[in-house]
Amino acid sequence: MKLCLIGVDGVRWDKMSLPGVAPWMMKLAAEGSVTPMWMIPPTDSGPGWASLLTGCTHEETRVWDNEFVAHQLGRCPDILSRAWMRDFATTTMAAVTWRQLADPRGRGPVIHTRPDQIRAGLHRLVIKDGEATGCVVADEEVQVEAARIIVEEAPDVSFVYFEGVDEAGHTYGSVGQEYLDAISRVDELVRCVWKAVDERVRLHDEDWLIAICTDHGHKDEGGHGEDEEQVRRSFLILNRFGRELPDTGEEIAPTDVTPLLLSALERG
């Protein structure tokens, strides 16, 4: 089995699930599964993605905000690194717009750089700076590169991250049309990634699991970090193109996502 984990930053489920807003993500959920998930405060991107991508608590990662001061991420390997540690032939890819997730020159990174595997062609790293170009442009660049690598190289484990919805939430709040439009734009990017995976499934008879989650929502007026329901509420969408899905139970914790997906990869 191969895994493509898609991170969509700052998405409110109640807005995403409105008719016509995110038809492709909702299609993947309807044809697969969707499990509720509640993020643990502080509900900022740093702590959220650190827990989702490593399976470690805030206390273990020592990531309490987006500054990453005195973090312990070196002791908390991410899902890509953990998959490679299980089998040194495993190929991985991270494609992101937020430098803290993967750039060794940033404040993290959450995803270990693994330069030896990059030189060996086992790890691909795509970083587009959303702070420099704006997230709309950076998200599109990430989608193009990620889809190309999936079609041409089919990494065993991939993480693809889109930031545009979070940018819209901070700028406009989460109750207006701008926020809904941002979700729809990212949904189209998810569709393009899904099409790349679908091509591998159809043309190469490969077994792929797609997973989609978010790190937090947004308050009506925009912003996050506390414990409001619309901020803490998240989800895990799973789709395996008609094959048997991992059992997530009725609810899943952020720290359970990485162990669940790694277990699914191991079982195949």
C-alpha atoms as a PDB file:
ATOM      1  CA  MET A   1       0.000   0.000   0.000  1.00  0.00           C
ATOM      2  CA  LYS A   2       1.028   3.609  -0.672  1.00  0.00           C
ATOM      3  CA  LEU A   3      -0.154   6.609   1.361  1.00  0.00           C
ATOM      4  CA  CYS A   4      -0.923  10.191   0.372  1.00  0.00           C
ATOM      5  CA  LEU A   5      -1.720  12.349   3.409  1.00  0.00           C
ATOM      6  CA  ILE A   6      -3.187  15.734   2.493  1.00  0.00           C
ATOM      7  CA  GLY A   7      -3.151  18.542   5.038  1.00  0.00           C
ATOM      8  CA  VAL A   8      -5.625  21.374   4.543  1.00  0.00           C
ATOM      9  CA  ASP A   9      -4.843  24.103   7.057  1.00  0.00           C
ATOM     10  CA  GLY A  10      -7.533  26.029   8.918  1.00  0.00           C
ATOM     11  CA  VAL A  11     -10.678  24.327   7.564  1.00  0.00           C
ATOM     12  CA  ARG A  12     -13.987  24.310   9.423  1.00  0.00           C
ATOM     13  CA  TRP A  13     -15.910  21.104   8.840  1.00  0.00           C
ATOM     14  CA  ASP A  14     -19.299  22.824   9.120  1.00  0.00           C
ATOM     15  CA  LYS A  15     -18.334  25.184   6.279  1.00  0.00           C
ATOM     16  CA  MET A  16     -16.569  22.567   4.167  1.00  0.00           C
ATOM     17  CA  SER A  17     -19.596  20.252   4.328  1.00  0.00           C
ATOM     18  CA  LEU A  18     -22.034  22.861   3.007  1.00  0.00           C
ATOM     19  CA  PRO A  19     -23.510  21.836  -0.382  1.00  0.00           C
ATOM     20  CA  GLY A  20     -21.218  22.671  -3.279  1.00  0.00           C
ATOM     21  CA  VAL A  21     -18.355  24.106  -1.228  1.00  0.00           C
ATOM     22  CA  ALA A  22     -15.937  21.150  -1.304  1.00  0.00           C
ATOM     23  CA  PRO A  23     -17.480  18.557  -3.630  1.00  0.00           C
ATOM     24  CA  TRP A  24     -14.300  16.519  -4.130  1.00  0.00           C
ATOM     25  CA  MET A  25     -13.305  16.185  -0.502  1.00  0.00           C
ATOM     26  CA  MET A  26     -16.891  15.354   0.391  1.00  0.00           C
ATOM     27  CA  LYS A  27     -16.970  12.778  -2.431  1.00  0.00           C
ATOM     28  CA  LEU A  28     -13.846  11.126  -1.022  1.00  0.00           C
ATOM     29  CA  ALA A  29     -15.472  11.113   2.414  1.00  0.00           C
ATOM     30  CA  ALA A  30     -18.768   9.701   1.121  1.00  0.00           C
ATOM     31  CA  GLU A  31     -17.054   6.933  -0.847  1.00  0.00           C
ATOM     32  CA  GLY A  32     -14.599   6.214   1.974  1.00  0.00           C
ATOM     33  CA  SER A  33     -14.969   7.299   5.593  1.00  0.00           C
ATOM     34  CA  VAL A  34     -14.845  10.411   7.731  1.00  0.00           C
ATOM     35  CA  THR A  35     -14.062  10.322  11.450  1.00  0.00           C
ATOM     36  CA  PRO A  36     -14.463  13.256  13.867  1.00  0.00           C
ATOM     37  CA  MET A  37     -11.311  14.513  15.544  1.00  0.00           C
ATOM     38  CA  TRP A  38     -10.864  17.139  18.257  1.00  0.00           C
ATOM     39  CA  MET A  39      -7.621  19.101  18.330  1.00  0.00           C
ATOM     40  CA  ILE A  40      -5.922  19.759  21.664  1.00  0.00           C
ATOM     41  CA  PRO A  41      -5.288  23.423  22.602  1.00  0.00           C
ATOM     42  CA  PRO A  42      -3.295  25.453  21.856  1.00  0.00           C
ATOM     43  CA  THR A  43      -4.948  25.197  18.453  1.00  0.00           C
ATOM     44  CA  ASP A  44      -2.186  26.817  16.407  1.00  0.00           C
ATOM     45  CA  SER A  45      -0.653  25.265  13.309  1.00  0.00           C
ATOM     46  CA  GLY A  46       2.670  24.421  14.969  1.00  0.00           C
ATOM     47  CA  PRO A  47       1.270  22.290  17.785  1.00  0.00           C
ATOM     48  CA  GLY A  48      -1.468  20.864  15.580  1.00  0.00           C
ATOM     49  CA  TRP A  49       0.686  19.623  12.735  1.00  0.00           C
ATOM     50  CA  ALA A  50       3.416  18.507  15.117  1.00  0.00           C
ATOM     51  CA  SER A  51       0.948  16.145  16.816  1.00  0.00           C
ATOM     52  CA  LEU A  52      -0.755  15.014  13.609  1.00  0.00           C
ATOM     53  CA  LEU A  53       2.503  14.275  11.779  1.00  0.00           C
ATOM     54  CA  THR A  54       4.436  12.661  14.629  1.00  0.00           C
ATOM     55  CA  GLY A  55       1.827  11.041  16.871  1.00  0.00           C
ATOM     56  CA  CYS A  56       3.374  12.854  19.843  1.00  0.00           C
ATOM     57  CA  THR A  57       1.705  15.119  22.392  1.00  0.00           C
ATOM     58  CA  HIS A  58       2.475  18.810  22.851  1.00  0.00           C
ATOM     59  CA  GLU A  59       4.406  17.870  25.974  1.00  0.00           C
ATOM     60  CA  GLU A  60       6.580  15.484  23.951  1.00  0.00           C
ATOM     61  CA  THR A  61       7.235  17.784  20.970  1.00  0.00           C
ATOM     62  CA  ARG A  62       7.461  20.906  23.162  1.00  0.00           C
ATOM     63  CA  VAL A  63       5.736  22.802  20.350  1.00  0.00           C
ATOM     64  CA  TRP A  64       3.289  25.209  21.990  1.00  0.00           C
ATOM     65  CA  ASP A  65       2.939  27.855  19.272  1.00  0.00           C
ATOM     66  CA  ASN A  66       4.269  28.799  15.841  1.00  0.00           C
ATOM     67  CA  GLU A  67       7.623  29.983  17.160  1.00  0.00           C
ATOM     68  CA  PHE A  68       8.930  26.462  17.929  1.00  0.00           C
ATOM     69  CA  VAL A  69      11.139  27.779  20.738  1.00  0.00           C
ATOM     70  CA  ALA A  70      13.109  24.953  22.432  1.00  0.00           C
ATOM     71  CA  HIS A  71      11.163  22.277  20.543  1.00  0.00           C
ATOM     72  CA  GLN A  72      12.020  18.579  20.846  1.00  0.00           C
ATOM     73  CA  LEU A  73      11.036  17.525  17.320  1.00  0.00           C
ATOM     74  CA  GLY A  74      14.355  15.759  16.881  1.00  0.00           C
ATOM     75  CA  ARG A  75      13.079  13.192  19.383  1.00  0.00           C
ATOM     76  CA  CYS A  76       9.706  12.909  17.614  1.00  0.00           C
ATOM     77  CA  PRO A  77      10.197  11.567  14.079  1.00  0.00           C
ATOM     78  CA  ASP A  78       7.452  12.376  11.587  1.00  0.00           C
ATOM     79  CA  ILE A  79       5.332   9.887   9.676  1.00  0.00           C
ATOM     80  CA  LEU A  80       7.572   9.962   6.584  1.00  0.00           C
ATOM     81  CA  SER A  81      10.705   9.347   8.627  1.00  0.00           C
ATOM     82  CA  ARG A  82       9.063   6.614  10.677  1.00  0.00           C
ATOM     83  CA  ALA A  83       7.933   4.824   7.513  1.00  0.00           C
ATOM     84  CA  TRP A  84      11.496   4.989   6.151  1.00  0.00           C
ATOM     85  CA  MET A  85      12.962   3.757   9.446  1.00  0.00           C
ATOM     86  CA  ARG A  86      10.811   0.625   9.117  1.00  0.00           C
ATOM     87  CA  ASP A  87      12.120  -0.086   5.619  1.00  0.00           C
ATOM     88  CA  PHE A  88      15.153   1.764   4.283  1.00  0.00           C
ATOM     89  CA  ALA A  89      13.913   1.297   0.706  1.00  0.00           C
ATOM     90  CA  THR A  90      10.787   3.387   1.393  1.00  0.00           C
ATOM     91  CA  THR A  91      10.430   6.477  -0.799  1.00  0.00           C
ATOM     92  CA  THR A  92       8.820   9.618   0.625  1.00  0.00           C
ATOM     93  CA  MET A  93       7.768  13.114  -0.397  1.00  0.00           C
ATOM     94  CA  ALA A  94       6.766  16.281   1.447  1.00  0.00           C
ATOM     95  CA  ALA A  95       5.293  19.192  -0.515  1.00  0.00           C
ATOM     96  CA  VAL A  96       4.374  22.207   1.616  1.00  0.00           C
ATOM     97  CA  THR A  97       3.862  25.979   1.603  1.00  0.00           C
ATOM     98  CA  TRP A  98       4.723  26.640   5.254  1.00  0.00           C
ATOM     99  CA  ARG A  99       8.467  26.556   5.879  1.00  0.00           C
ATOM    100  CA  GLN A 100       8.154  25.462   9.518  1.00  0.00           C
ATOM    101  CA  LEU A 101       6.849  22.113   8.348  1.00  0.00           C
ATOM    102  CA  ALA A 102       9.822  21.035   6.250  1.00  0.00           C
ATOM    103  CA  ASP A 103      12.484  23.712   5.689  1.00  0.00           C
ATOM    104  CA  PRO A 104      15.627  23.122   7.799  1.00  0.00           C
ATOM    105  CA  ARG A 105      16.217  26.888   7.673  1.00  0.00           C
ATOM    106  CA  GLY A 106      12.819  27.535   9.254  1.00  0.00           C
ATOM    107  CA  ARG A 107      11.839  27.344  12.900  1.00  0.00           C
ATOM    108  CA  GLY A 108      11.139  23.609  12.877  1.00  0.00           C
ATOM    109  CA  PRO A 109      11.039  21.579  10.863  1.00  0.00           C
ATOM    110  CA  VAL A 110       8.307  19.139  11.852  1.00  0.00           C
ATOM    111  CA  ILE A 111       9.286  16.820   8.990  1.00  0.00           C
ATOM    112  CA  HIS A 112      12.891  15.683   9.345  1.00  0.00           C
ATOM    113  CA  THR A 113      15.066  16.824   6.444  1.00  0.00           C
ATOM    114  CA  ARG A 114      16.964  13.526   5.931  1.00  0.00           C
ATOM    115  CA  PRO A 115      19.595  14.934   3.523  1.00  0.00           C
ATOM    116  CA  ASP A 116      21.201  11.529   2.926  1.00  0.00           C
ATOM    117  CA  GLN A 117      17.903  10.166   1.634  1.00  0.00           C
ATOM    118  CA  ILE A 118      17.401  13.269  -0.519  1.00  0.00           C
ATOM    119  CA  ARG A 119      20.808  12.673  -2.141  1.00  0.00           C
ATOM    120  CA  ALA A 120      19.934   8.997  -2.615  1.00  0.00           C
ATOM    121  CA  GLY A 121      16.643   9.844  -4.326  1.00  0.00           C
ATOM    122  CA  LEU A 122      14.568   8.287  -1.555  1.00  0.00           C
ATOM    123  CA  HIS A 123      13.091  11.546  -0.232  1.00  0.00           C
ATOM    124  CA  ARG A 124      11.653  14.435  -2.220  1.00  0.00           C
ATOM    125  CA  LEU A 125      11.161  17.853  -0.641  1.00  0.00           C
ATOM    126  CA  VAL A 126       9.044  20.585  -2.255  1.00  0.00           C
ATOM    127  CA  ILE A 127       8.845  23.899  -0.381  1.00  0.00           C
ATOM    128  CA  LYS A 128       6.958  26.922  -1.733  1.00  0.00           C
ATOM    129  CA  ASP A 129       6.982  30.015   0.471  1.00  0.00           C
ATOM    130  CA  GLY A 130       3.379  31.093   1.040  1.00  0.00           C
ATOM    131  CA  GLU A 131       4.518  34.056   3.125  1.00  0.00           C
ATOM    132  CA  ALA A 132       6.496  35.415   0.165  1.00  0.00           C
ATOM    133  CA  THR A 133       4.093  34.743  -2.727  1.00  0.00           C
ATOM    134  CA  GLY A 134       0.743  34.438  -0.975  1.00  0.00           C
ATOM    135  CA  CYS A 135      -0.851  31.105  -0.234  1.00  0.00           C
ATOM    136  CA  VAL A 136      -3.034  30.966  -3.353  1.00  0.00           C
ATOM    137  CA  VAL A 137       0.015  30.968  -5.630  1.00  0.00           C
ATOM    138  CA  ALA A 138       2.094  28.736  -3.337  1.00  0.00           C
ATOM    139  CA  ASP A 139      -0.707  26.172  -3.000  1.00  0.00           C
ATOM    140  CA  GLU A 140      -1.019  25.893  -6.773  1.00  0.00           C
ATOM    141  CA  GLU A 141       2.741  25.426  -7.114  1.00  0.00           C
ATOM    142  CA  VAL A 142       2.704  22.696  -4.481  1.00  0.00           C
ATOM    143  CA  GLN A 143      -0.166  20.932  -6.230  1.00  0.00           C
ATOM    144  CA  VAL A 144       1.592  20.951  -9.601  1.00  0.00           C
ATOM    145  CA  GLU A 145       4.850  19.578  -8.196  1.00  0.00           C
ATOM    146  CA  ALA A 146       3.199  17.021  -5.919  1.00  0.00           C
ATOM    147  CA  ALA A 147       0.938  15.680  -8.671  1.00  0.00           C
ATOM    148  CA  ARG A 148       3.879  15.371 -11.061  1.00  0.00           C
ATOM    149  CA  ILE A 149       5.994  13.454  -8.552  1.00  0.00           C
ATOM    150  CA  ILE A 150       3.093  11.136  -7.702  1.00  0.00           C
ATOM    151  CA  VAL A 151       2.432  10.348 -11.377  1.00  0.00           C
ATOM    152  CA  GLU A 152       6.088   9.917 -12.343  1.00  0.00           C
ATOM    153  CA  GLU A 153       7.627   8.433  -9.189  1.00  0.00           C
ATOM    154  CA  ALA A 154       4.790   7.179  -6.957  1.00  0.00           C
ATOM    155  CA  PRO A 155       6.435   7.745  -3.548  1.00  0.00           C
ATOM    156  CA  ASP A 156       5.437   5.184  -0.939  1.00  0.00           C
ATOM    157  CA  VAL A 157       4.435   7.867   1.591  1.00  0.00           C
ATOM    158  CA  SER A 158       3.583  11.479   0.728  1.00  0.00           C
ATOM    159  CA  PHE A 159       2.474  14.549   2.655  1.00  0.00           C
ATOM    160  CA  VAL A 160       0.912  17.371   0.631  1.00  0.00           C
ATOM    161  CA  TYR A 161      -0.036  20.570   2.448  1.00  0.00           C
ATOM    162  CA  PHE A 162      -2.292  23.466   1.409  1.00  0.00           C
ATOM    163  CA  GLU A 163      -2.480  26.726   3.380  1.00  0.00           C
ATOM    164  CA  GLY A 164      -4.892  28.978   1.486  1.00  0.00           C
ATOM    165  CA  VAL A 165      -7.969  28.409   3.656  1.00  0.00           C
ATOM    166  CA  ASP A 166      -6.087  29.445   6.784  1.00  0.00           C
ATOM    167  CA  GLU A 167      -4.889  32.616   5.064  1.00  0.00           C
ATOM    168  CA  ALA A 168      -8.482  33.480   4.114  1.00  0.00           C
ATOM    169  CA  GLY A 169      -9.723  32.783   7.641  1.00  0.00           C
ATOM    170  CA  HIS A 170      -7.210  35.189   9.133  1.00  0.00           C
ATOM    171  CA  THR A 171      -7.947  37.861   6.529  1.00  0.00           C
ATOM    172  CA  TYR A 172     -11.734  37.679   6.191  1.00  0.00           C
ATOM    173  CA  GLY A 173     -13.035  35.519   9.050  1.00  0.00           C
ATOM    174  CA  SER A 174     -14.839  32.251   8.440  1.00  0.00           C
ATOM    175  CA  VAL A 175     -18.464  33.250   7.885  1.00  0.00           C
ATOM    176  CA  GLY A 176     -18.179  35.131   4.596  1.00  0.00           C
ATOM    177  CA  GLN A 177     -17.977  34.084   0.967  1.00  0.00           C
ATOM    178  CA  GLU A 178     -14.220  34.629   0.860  1.00  0.00           C
ATOM    179  CA  TYR A 179     -13.644  31.768   3.273  1.00  0.00           C
ATOM    180  CA  LEU A 180     -15.970  29.453   1.350  1.00  0.00           C
ATOM    181  CA  ASP A 181     -14.250  30.385  -1.907  1.00  0.00           C
ATOM    182  CA  ALA A 182     -10.885  29.542  -0.356  1.00  0.00           C
ATOM    183  CA  ILE A 183     -12.155  26.094   0.657  1.00  0.00           C
ATOM    184  CA  SER A 184     -13.421  25.563  -2.896  1.00  0.00           C
ATOM    185  CA  ARG A 185     -10.019  26.552  -4.350  1.00  0.00           C
ATOM    186  CA  VAL A 186      -8.200  24.096  -2.112  1.00  0.00           C
ATOM    187  CA  ASP A 187     -10.818  21.440  -2.876  1.00  0.00           C
ATOM    188  CA  GLU A 188      -9.921  21.774  -6.557  1.00  0.00           C
ATOM    189  CA  LEU A 189      -6.241  21.324  -5.689  1.00  0.00           C
ATOM    190  CA  VAL A 190      -7.138  18.201  -3.718  1.00  0.00           C
ATOM    191  CA  ARG A 191      -8.977  16.964  -6.810  1.00  0.00           C
ATOM    192  CA  CYS A 192      -5.805  17.370  -8.869  1.00  0.00           C
ATOM    193  CA  VAL A 193      -3.778  15.376  -6.335  1.00  0.00           C
ATOM    194  CA  TRP A 194      -6.526  12.746  -6.237  1.00  0.00           C
ATOM    195  CA  LYS A 195      -6.420  12.518 -10.055  1.00  0.00           C
ATOM    196  CA  ALA A 196      -2.674  11.881  -9.934  1.00  0.00           C
ATOM    197  CA  VAL A 197      -3.191   9.086  -7.402  1.00  0.00           C
ATOM    198  CA  ASP A 198      -6.129   7.731  -9.421  1.00  0.00           C
ATOM    199  CA  GLU A 199      -3.877   7.509 -12.480  1.00  0.00           C
ATOM    200  CA  ARG A 200      -1.422   5.350 -10.538  1.00  0.00           C
ATOM    201  CA  VAL A 201      -4.272   3.145  -9.302  1.00  0.00           C
ATOM    202  CA  ARG A 202      -5.774   2.667 -12.765  1.00  0.00           C
ATOM    203  CA  LEU A 203      -2.662   2.398 -14.923  1.00  0.00           C
ATOM    204  CA  HIS A 204      -0.356   0.571 -12.532  1.00  0.00           C
ATOM    205  CA  ASP A 205      -2.823  -1.391 -10.395  1.00  0.00           C
ATOM    206  CA  GLU A 206      -1.380   0.137  -7.208  1.00  0.00           C
ATOM    207  CA  ASP A 207      -3.040   0.170  -3.804  1.00  0.00           C
ATOM    208  CA  TRP A 208      -3.272   3.747  -2.451  1.00  0.00           C
ATOM    209  CA  LEU A 209      -4.771   5.193   0.716  1.00  0.00           C
ATOM    210  CA  ILE A 210      -5.657   8.901   0.668  1.00  0.00           C
ATOM    211  CA  ALA A 211      -6.029  10.648   4.028  1.00  0.00           C
ATOM    212  CA  ILE A 212      -7.157  14.251   4.566  1.00  0.00           C
ATOM    213  CA  CYS A 213      -7.180  16.244   7.804  1.00  0.00           C
ATOM    214  CA  THR A 214      -6.917  19.770   9.187  1.00  0.00           C
ATOM    215  CA  ASP A 215      -5.056  21.216  12.153  1.00  0.00           C
ATOM    216  CA  HIS A 216      -7.758  23.619  13.370  1.00  0.00           C
ATOM    217  CA  GLY A 217     -10.759  25.642  12.257  1.00  0.00           C
ATOM    218  CA  HIS A 218     -11.417  29.365  12.666  1.00  0.00           C
ATOM    219  CA  LYS A 219     -13.578  31.519  14.854  1.00  0.00           C
ATOM    220  CA  ASP A 220     -16.328  33.415  13.072  1.00  0.00           C
ATOM    221  CA  GLU A 221     -14.255  36.595  13.161  1.00  0.00           C
ATOM    222  CA  GLY A 222     -11.128  34.673  12.162  1.00  0.00           C
ATOM    223  CA  GLY A 223      -8.258  33.401  14.243  1.00  0.00           C
ATOM    224  CA  HIS A 224      -7.694  30.375  16.447  1.00  0.00           C
ATOM    225  CA  GLY A 225      -5.513  29.089  19.247  1.00  0.00           C
ATOM    226  CA  GLU A 226      -8.095  28.551  21.978  1.00  0.00           C
ATOM    227  CA  ASP A 227     -10.666  25.842  22.692  1.00  0.00           C
ATOM    228  CA  GLU A 228     -13.833  26.967  20.891  1.00  0.00           C
ATOM    229  CA  GLU A 229     -15.758  24.157  19.194  1.00  0.00           C
ATOM    230  CA  GLN A 230     -15.389  25.622  15.690  1.00  0.00           C
ATOM    231  CA  VAL A 231     -11.629  25.880  16.271  1.00  0.00           C
ATOM    232  CA  ARG A 232     -10.985  22.456  17.833  1.00  0.00           C
ATOM    233  CA  ARG A 233     -13.194  20.440  15.501  1.00  0.00           C
ATOM    234  CA  SER A 234     -11.248  18.487  12.894  1.00  0.00           C
ATOM    235  CA  PHE A 235     -11.724  15.324  10.846  1.00  0.00           C
ATOM    236  CA  LEU A 236      -9.919  12.442   9.192  1.00  0.00           C
ATOM    237  CA  ILE A 237     -11.110  11.457   5.736  1.00  0.00           C
ATOM    238  CA  LEU A 238      -9.900   8.113   4.391  1.00  0.00           C
ATOM    239  CA  ASN A 239     -10.371   6.726   0.891  1.00  0.00           C
ATOM    240  CA  ARG A 240      -8.774   3.597  -0.558  1.00  0.00           C
ATOM    241  CA  PHE A 241     -10.510   3.415  -3.918  1.00  0.00           C
ATOM    242  CA  GLY A 242     -13.022   0.801  -2.798  1.00  0.00           C
ATOM    243  CA  ARG A 243     -10.640  -1.350  -0.752  1.00  0.00           C
ATOM    244  CA  GLU A 244     -10.957  -2.058   2.961  1.00  0.00           C
ATOM    245  CA  LEU A 245     -10.234   0.962   5.173  1.00  0.00           C
ATOM    246  CA  PRO A 246      -8.450   1.103   8.542  1.00  0.00           C
ATOM    247  CA  ASP A 247     -10.787   1.021  11.540  1.00  0.00           C
ATOM    248  CA  THR A 248     -10.766   4.483  13.144  1.00  0.00           C
ATOM    249  CA  GLY A 249     -13.527   3.913  15.680  1.00  0.00           C
ATOM    250  CA  GLU A 250     -16.166   6.555  16.326  1.00  0.00           C
ATOM    251  CA  GLU A 251     -13.633   9.308  17.068  1.00  0.00           C
ATOM    252  CA  ILE A 252      -9.893   9.741  16.683  1.00  0.00           C
ATOM    253  CA  ALA A 253      -7.312  11.818  18.554  1.00  0.00           C
ATOM    254  CA  PRO A 254      -4.659  13.897  16.719  1.00  0.00           C
ATOM    255  CA  THR A 255      -1.897  11.750  18.189  1.00  0.00           C
ATOM    256  CA  ASP A 256      -3.579   8.611  16.787  1.00  0.00           C
ATOM    257  CA  VAL A 257      -3.389   9.660  13.120  1.00  0.00           C
ATOM    258  CA  THR A 258       0.255   8.789  12.474  1.00  0.00           C
ATOM    259  CA  PRO A 259       0.132   5.420  14.319  1.00  0.00           C
ATOM    260  CA  LEU A 260      -3.100   4.518  12.514  1.00  0.00           C
ATOM    261  CA  LEU A 261      -1.702   5.294   9.066  1.00  0.00           C
ATOM    262  CA  LEU A 262       1.609   3.557   9.755  1.00  0.00           C
ATOM    263  CA  SER A 263      -0.256   0.483  10.953  1.00  0.00           C
ATOM    264  CA  ALA A 264      -2.350   0.506   7.773  1.00  0.00           C
ATOM    265  CA  LEU A 265       0.826   0.694   5.671  1.00  0.00           C
ATOM    266  CA  GLU A 266       2.347  -2.213   7.556  1.00  0.00           C
ATOM    267  CA  ARG A 267      -0.728  -4.400   7.054  1.00  0.00           C
ATOM    268  CA  GLY A 268      -0.980  -3.402   3.396  1.00  0.00           C
END
